[in-house]
C-alpha atoms as a PDB file:
ATOM      1  CA  MET A   1       1.096  17.940  -5.626  1.00  0.00           C
ATOM      2  CA  LYS A   2      -1.692  15.830  -7.167  1.00  0.00           C
ATOM      3  CA  LYS A   3      -2.930  18.852  -9.113  1.00  0.00           C
ATOM      4  CA  GLN A   4       0.537  19.356 -10.557  1.00  0.00           C
ATOM      5  CA  ILE A   5       0.692  15.725 -11.698  1.00  0.00           C
ATOM      6  CA  VAL A   6      -2.693  16.029 -13.397  1.00  0.00           C
ATOM      7  CA  VAL A   7      -1.575  19.229 -15.145  1.00  0.00           C
ATOM      8  CA  GLU A   8       1.610  17.477 -16.307  1.00  0.00           C
ATOM      9  CA  ILE A   9      -0.447  14.580 -17.703  1.00  0.00           C
ATOM     10  CA  VAL A  10      -2.818  16.958 -19.493  1.00  0.00           C
ATOM     11  CA  CYS A  11       0.114  18.868 -20.981  1.00  0.00           C
ATOM     12  CA  PHE A  12       1.787  15.627 -22.048  1.00  0.00           C
ATOM     13  CA  LEU A  13      -1.404  14.435 -23.771  1.00  0.00           C
ATOM     14  CA  PHE A  14      -1.716  17.723 -25.662  1.00  0.00           C
ATOM     15  CA  ILE A  15       1.973  17.676 -26.615  1.00  0.00           C
ATOM     16  CA  LEU A  16       1.593  14.126 -27.899  1.00  0.00           C
ATOM     17  CA  LEU A  17      -1.599  14.902 -29.824  1.00  0.00           C
ATOM     18  CA  PHE A  18      -0.449  18.168 -31.400  1.00  0.00           C
ATOM     19  CA  THR A  19       3.022  16.911 -32.292  1.00  0.00           C
ATOM     20  CA  TYR A  20       1.675  13.716 -33.828  1.00  0.00           C
ATOM     21  CA  ALA A  21      -1.089  15.503 -35.749  1.00  0.00           C
ATOM     22  CA  ALA A  22       1.209  18.261 -37.030  1.00  0.00           C
ATOM     23  CA  VAL A  23       3.913  15.855 -38.194  1.00  0.00           C
ATOM     24  CA  ALA A  24       1.331  13.606 -39.870  1.00  0.00           C
ATOM     25  CA  LYS A  25      -0.156  16.607 -41.714  1.00  0.00           C
ATOM     26  CA  LEU A  26       3.246  17.828 -42.841  1.00  0.00           C
ATOM     27  CA  LEU A  27       4.381  14.364 -43.970  1.00  0.00           C
ATOM     28  CA  GLU A  28       1.207  14.004 -46.025  1.00  0.00           C
ATOM     29  CA  TYR A  29       1.062  17.670 -46.999  1.00  0.00           C
ATOM     30  CA  GLN A  30      -0.503  17.229 -50.461  1.00  0.00           C
ATOM     31  CA  LYS A  31      -3.198  14.919 -49.094  1.00  0.00           C
ATOM     32  CA  PHE A  32      -3.868  17.418 -46.297  1.00  0.00           C
ATOM     33  CA  VAL A  33      -4.267  20.296 -48.777  1.00  0.00           C
ATOM     34  CA  VAL A  34      -6.666  18.233 -50.926  1.00  0.00           C
ATOM     35  CA  GLN A  35      -8.746  17.231 -47.887  1.00  0.00           C
ATOM     36  CA  ILE A  36      -9.009  20.810 -46.642  1.00  0.00           C
ATOM     37  CA  GLY A  37      -9.940  21.884 -50.161  1.00  0.00           C
ATOM     38  CA  GLN A  38     -12.861  19.425 -50.145  1.00  0.00           C
ATOM     39  CA  SER A  39     -14.410  21.107 -47.112  1.00  0.00           C
ATOM     40  CA  PRO A  40     -17.098  23.619 -48.071  1.00  0.00           C
ATOM     41  CA  LEU A  41     -16.130  25.654 -45.004  1.00  0.00           C
ATOM     42  CA  LEU A  42     -12.388  25.767 -45.649  1.00  0.00           C
ATOM     43  CA  THR A  43     -11.887  25.577 -49.433  1.00  0.00           C
ATOM     44  CA  ASN A  44     -10.874  29.221 -49.803  1.00  0.00           C
ATOM     45  CA  TYR A  45      -8.289  28.932 -47.036  1.00  0.00           C
ATOM     46  CA  ALA A  46      -6.741  25.534 -47.874  1.00  0.00           C
ATOM     47  CA  GLY A  47      -3.305  26.854 -48.841  1.00  0.00           C
ATOM     48  CA  PHE A  48      -2.982  29.003 -45.736  1.00  0.00           C
ATOM     49  CA  LEU A  49      -4.418  26.421 -43.327  1.00  0.00           C
ATOM     50  CA  ALA A  50      -2.198  23.632 -44.650  1.00  0.00           C
ATOM     51  CA  TRP A  51       0.783  25.419 -43.085  1.00  0.00           C
ATOM     52  CA  ALA A  52      -0.899  27.392 -40.318  1.00  0.00           C
ATOM     53  CA  VAL A  53      -2.626  24.498 -38.534  1.00  0.00           C
ATOM     54  CA  PRO A  54       0.471  22.281 -38.126  1.00  0.00           C
ATOM     55  CA  ALA A  55       2.571  25.332 -37.240  1.00  0.00           C
ATOM     56  CA  ILE A  56       0.112  26.379 -34.525  1.00  0.00           C
ATOM     57  CA  GLU A  57      -0.058  22.825 -33.192  1.00  0.00           C
ATOM     58  CA  LEU A  58       3.741  22.643 -32.943  1.00  0.00           C
ATOM     59  CA  ILE A  59       4.023  26.086 -31.335  1.00  0.00           C
ATOM     60  CA  ILE A  60       1.463  25.113 -28.701  1.00  0.00           C
ATOM     61  CA  ALA A  61       3.249  21.791 -28.075  1.00  0.00           C
ATOM     62  CA  VAL A  62       6.572  23.581 -27.513  1.00  0.00           C
ATOM     63  CA  ALA A  63       4.940  26.234 -25.328  1.00  0.00           C
ATOM     64  CA  LEU A  64       3.424  23.512 -23.130  1.00  0.00           C
ATOM     65  CA  VAL A  65       6.921  22.216 -22.407  1.00  0.00           C
ATOM     66  CA  ILE A  66       8.164  25.634 -21.251  1.00  0.00           C
ATOM     67  CA  THR A  67       6.839  26.373 -17.771  1.00  0.00           C
ATOM     68  CA  ARG A  68       6.906  30.122 -18.372  1.00  0.00           C
ATOM     69  CA  PHE A  69       4.437  29.760 -21.266  1.00  0.00           C
ATOM     70  CA  ARG A  70       2.391  26.882 -19.913  1.00  0.00           C
ATOM     71  CA  GLN A  71      -0.680  28.848 -18.838  1.00  0.00           C
ATOM     72  CA  ILE A  72      -1.124  30.633 -22.152  1.00  0.00           C
ATOM     73  CA  ALA A  73      -0.352  27.359 -23.967  1.00  0.00           C
ATOM     74  CA  LEU A  74      -3.113  25.594 -22.034  1.00  0.00           C
ATOM     75  CA  TYR A  75      -5.545  28.318 -23.076  1.00  0.00           C
ATOM     76  CA  ALA A  76      -4.327  28.024 -26.678  1.00  0.00           C
ATOM     77  CA  ALA A  77      -4.670  24.221 -26.647  1.00  0.00           C
ATOM     78  CA  PHE A  78      -8.171  24.482 -25.206  1.00  0.00           C
ATOM     79  CA  THR A  79      -9.168  27.128 -27.764  1.00  0.00           C
ATOM     80  CA  LEU A  80      -7.775  25.124 -30.677  1.00  0.00           C
ATOM     81  CA  MET A  81      -9.667  22.025 -29.567  1.00  0.00           C
ATOM     82  CA  VAL A  82     -12.871  24.060 -29.193  1.00  0.00           C
ATOM     83  CA  LEU A  83     -12.372  25.348 -32.750  1.00  0.00           C
ATOM     84  CA  PHE A  84     -11.704  21.849 -34.098  1.00  0.00           C
ATOM     85  CA  THR A  85     -14.786  20.565 -32.247  1.00  0.00           C
ATOM     86  CA  ALA A  86     -16.966  23.402 -33.567  1.00  0.00           C
ATOM     87  CA  TYR A  87     -15.755  22.570 -37.086  1.00  0.00           C
ATOM     88  CA  ILE A  88     -16.810  18.934 -36.610  1.00  0.00           C
ATOM     89  CA  VAL A  89     -20.243  20.023 -35.385  1.00  0.00           C
ATOM     90  CA  ALA A  90     -20.590  22.232 -38.479  1.00  0.00           C
ATOM     91  CA  ILE A  91     -19.550  19.361 -40.772  1.00  0.00           C
ATOM     92  CA  LEU A  92     -22.075  17.061 -39.105  1.00  0.00           C
ATOM     93  CA  GLN A  93     -24.778  19.686 -39.630  1.00  0.00           C
ATOM     94  CA  LEU A  94     -23.926  19.888 -43.329  1.00  0.00           C
ATOM     95  CA  GLY A  95     -24.373  16.137 -43.552  1.00  0.00           C
ATOM     96  CA  LYS A  96     -21.929  15.833 -46.418  1.00  0.00           C
ATOM     97  CA  ASN A  97     -19.341  13.113 -46.883  1.00  0.00           C
ATOM     98  CA  ILE A  98     -16.245  15.224 -46.292  1.00  0.00           C
ATOM     99  CA  PRO A  99     -12.955  13.468 -45.490  1.00  0.00           C
ATOM    100  CA  CYS A 100     -11.215  14.196 -42.227  1.00  0.00           C
ATOM    101  CA  SER A 101      -8.012  16.187 -42.631  1.00  0.00           C
ATOM    102  CA  CYS A 102      -6.551  15.340 -39.244  1.00  0.00           C
ATOM    103  CA  GLY A 103      -3.654  13.207 -40.376  1.00  0.00           C
ATOM    104  CA  GLY A 104      -2.256   9.857 -39.348  1.00  0.00           C
ATOM    105  CA  ILE A 105      -4.399   7.368 -37.462  1.00  0.00           C
ATOM    106  CA  LEU A 106      -6.810  10.154 -36.524  1.00  0.00           C
ATOM    107  CA  ASP A 107      -7.857  10.120 -40.197  1.00  0.00           C
ATOM    108  CA  SER A 108      -9.434   6.710 -39.690  1.00  0.00           C
ATOM    109  CA  MET A 109     -11.984   7.998 -37.170  1.00  0.00           C
ATOM    110  CA  GLY A 110     -15.500   8.817 -38.236  1.00  0.00           C
ATOM    111  CA  TRP A 111     -16.917  12.257 -37.513  1.00  0.00           C
ATOM    112  CA  ILE A 112     -18.857  11.095 -34.434  1.00  0.00           C
ATOM    113  CA  GLU A 113     -15.799   9.366 -32.980  1.00  0.00           C
ATOM    114  CA  HIS A 114     -13.800  12.491 -33.709  1.00  0.00           C
ATOM    115  CA  LEU A 115     -16.395  14.633 -31.955  1.00  0.00           C
ATOM    116  CA  ILE A 116     -16.139  12.437 -28.855  1.00  0.00           C
ATOM    117  CA  PHE A 117     -12.321  12.411 -29.006  1.00  0.00           C
ATOM    118  CA  ASN A 118     -12.163  16.200 -29.371  1.00  0.00           C
ATOM    119  CA  SER A 119     -14.741  16.724 -26.626  1.00  0.00           C
ATOM    120  CA  ILE A 120     -12.568  14.693 -24.259  1.00  0.00           C
ATOM    121  CA  TYR A 121      -9.617  16.936 -25.112  1.00  0.00           C
ATOM    122  CA  VAL A 122     -11.745  20.049 -24.594  1.00  0.00           C
ATOM    123  CA  VAL A 123     -12.576  18.778 -21.096  1.00  0.00           C
ATOM    124  CA  LEU A 124      -8.915  17.915 -20.475  1.00  0.00           C
ATOM    125  CA  GLY A 125      -7.945  21.430 -21.549  1.00  0.00           C
ATOM    126  CA  LEU A 126     -10.460  22.958 -19.178  1.00  0.00           C
ATOM    127  CA  ILE A 127      -9.232  20.748 -16.331  1.00  0.00           C
ATOM    128  CA  GLY A 128      -5.639  21.720 -17.111  1.00  0.00           C
ATOM    129  CA  ILE A 129      -6.485  25.431 -17.115  1.00  0.00           C
ATOM    130  CA  LEU A 130      -8.416  25.260 -13.852  1.00  0.00           C
ATOM    131  CA  LEU A 131      -5.850  23.164 -12.008  1.00  0.00           C
ATOM    132  CA  TYR A 132      -2.900  25.162 -13.311  1.00  0.00           C
ATOM    133  CA  SER A 133      -4.587  28.434 -12.322  1.00  0.00           C
ATOM    134  CA  ASN A 134      -5.294  27.051  -8.841  1.00  0.00           C
ATOM    135  CA  GLU A 135      -1.695  25.815  -8.539  1.00  0.00           C
ATOM    136  CA  GLU A 136      -0.326  29.215  -9.601  1.00  0.00           C
ATOM    137  CA  SER A 137      -2.557  30.989  -7.062  1.00  0.00           C
ATOM    138  CA  SER A 138      -1.421  28.643  -4.290  1.00  0.00           C
ATOM    139  CA  GLN A 139       2.245  29.191  -5.129  1.00  0.00           C
ATOM    140  CA  LYS A 140       1.852  32.976  -5.146  1.00  0.00           C
ATOM    141  CA  LYS A 141       0.204  32.908  -1.713  1.00  0.00           C
ATOM    142  CA  GLU A 142       3.027  30.773  -0.338  1.00  0.00           C
ATOM    143  CA  LYS A 143       5.696  33.171  -1.646  1.00  0.00           C
ATOM    144  CA  LYS A 144       4.196  36.321  -0.085  1.00  0.00           C
ATOM    145  CA  PRO A 145       6.041  37.387   3.070  1.00  0.00           C
ATOM    146  CA  SER A 146       3.880  37.593   6.132  1.00  0.00           C
ATOM    147  CA  MET A 147       3.263  40.971   7.783  1.00  0.00           C
ATOM    148  CA  VAL A 148       3.891  39.739  11.351  1.00  0.00           C
END
C-alpha cells in the first residue's frame, strides 16, 4: 500500500511538472522558439521542437493518469528527464550564456539549479518505475490461482 502511495505521488509530481511546463511553453510560444533557436545544439530543430516538446510532455502527463498506460508513461517521463538533464550537462560544458527554454517559473532557474531539479526528477522517475514494477509483480502473483 505504501508503495502505491509513493507511485501516486511520483506520478502526480510528473503530471504537475509536465502540464505546467507544456502550457507555459505554448503560452509563450514565440519566446520558446527564440530560446531554442539560441541553443547551438538545437538551432536546426527549433521549429519542430517548439511543438514536439510540449506535445510529448502533455501526452506523458495524460498517460500517467491512465492506469493502463502508467508503466510506459513512467518510463517515458524518466527518459524525457534524462534527456533534459543530458542537455543541461552539454550546455554547461559549452560554457555559453544560453537562456533556458523551460517556460514559466522554471525559466528563472540557473543552469546548476536546473541540473539539480532535473536530477531529483530523474531519481523520482527511477523510484516510480521500480516501485510500480514491484507493485505490478505483487498483484500478478496474488491473482494466480493456486495449484492445490
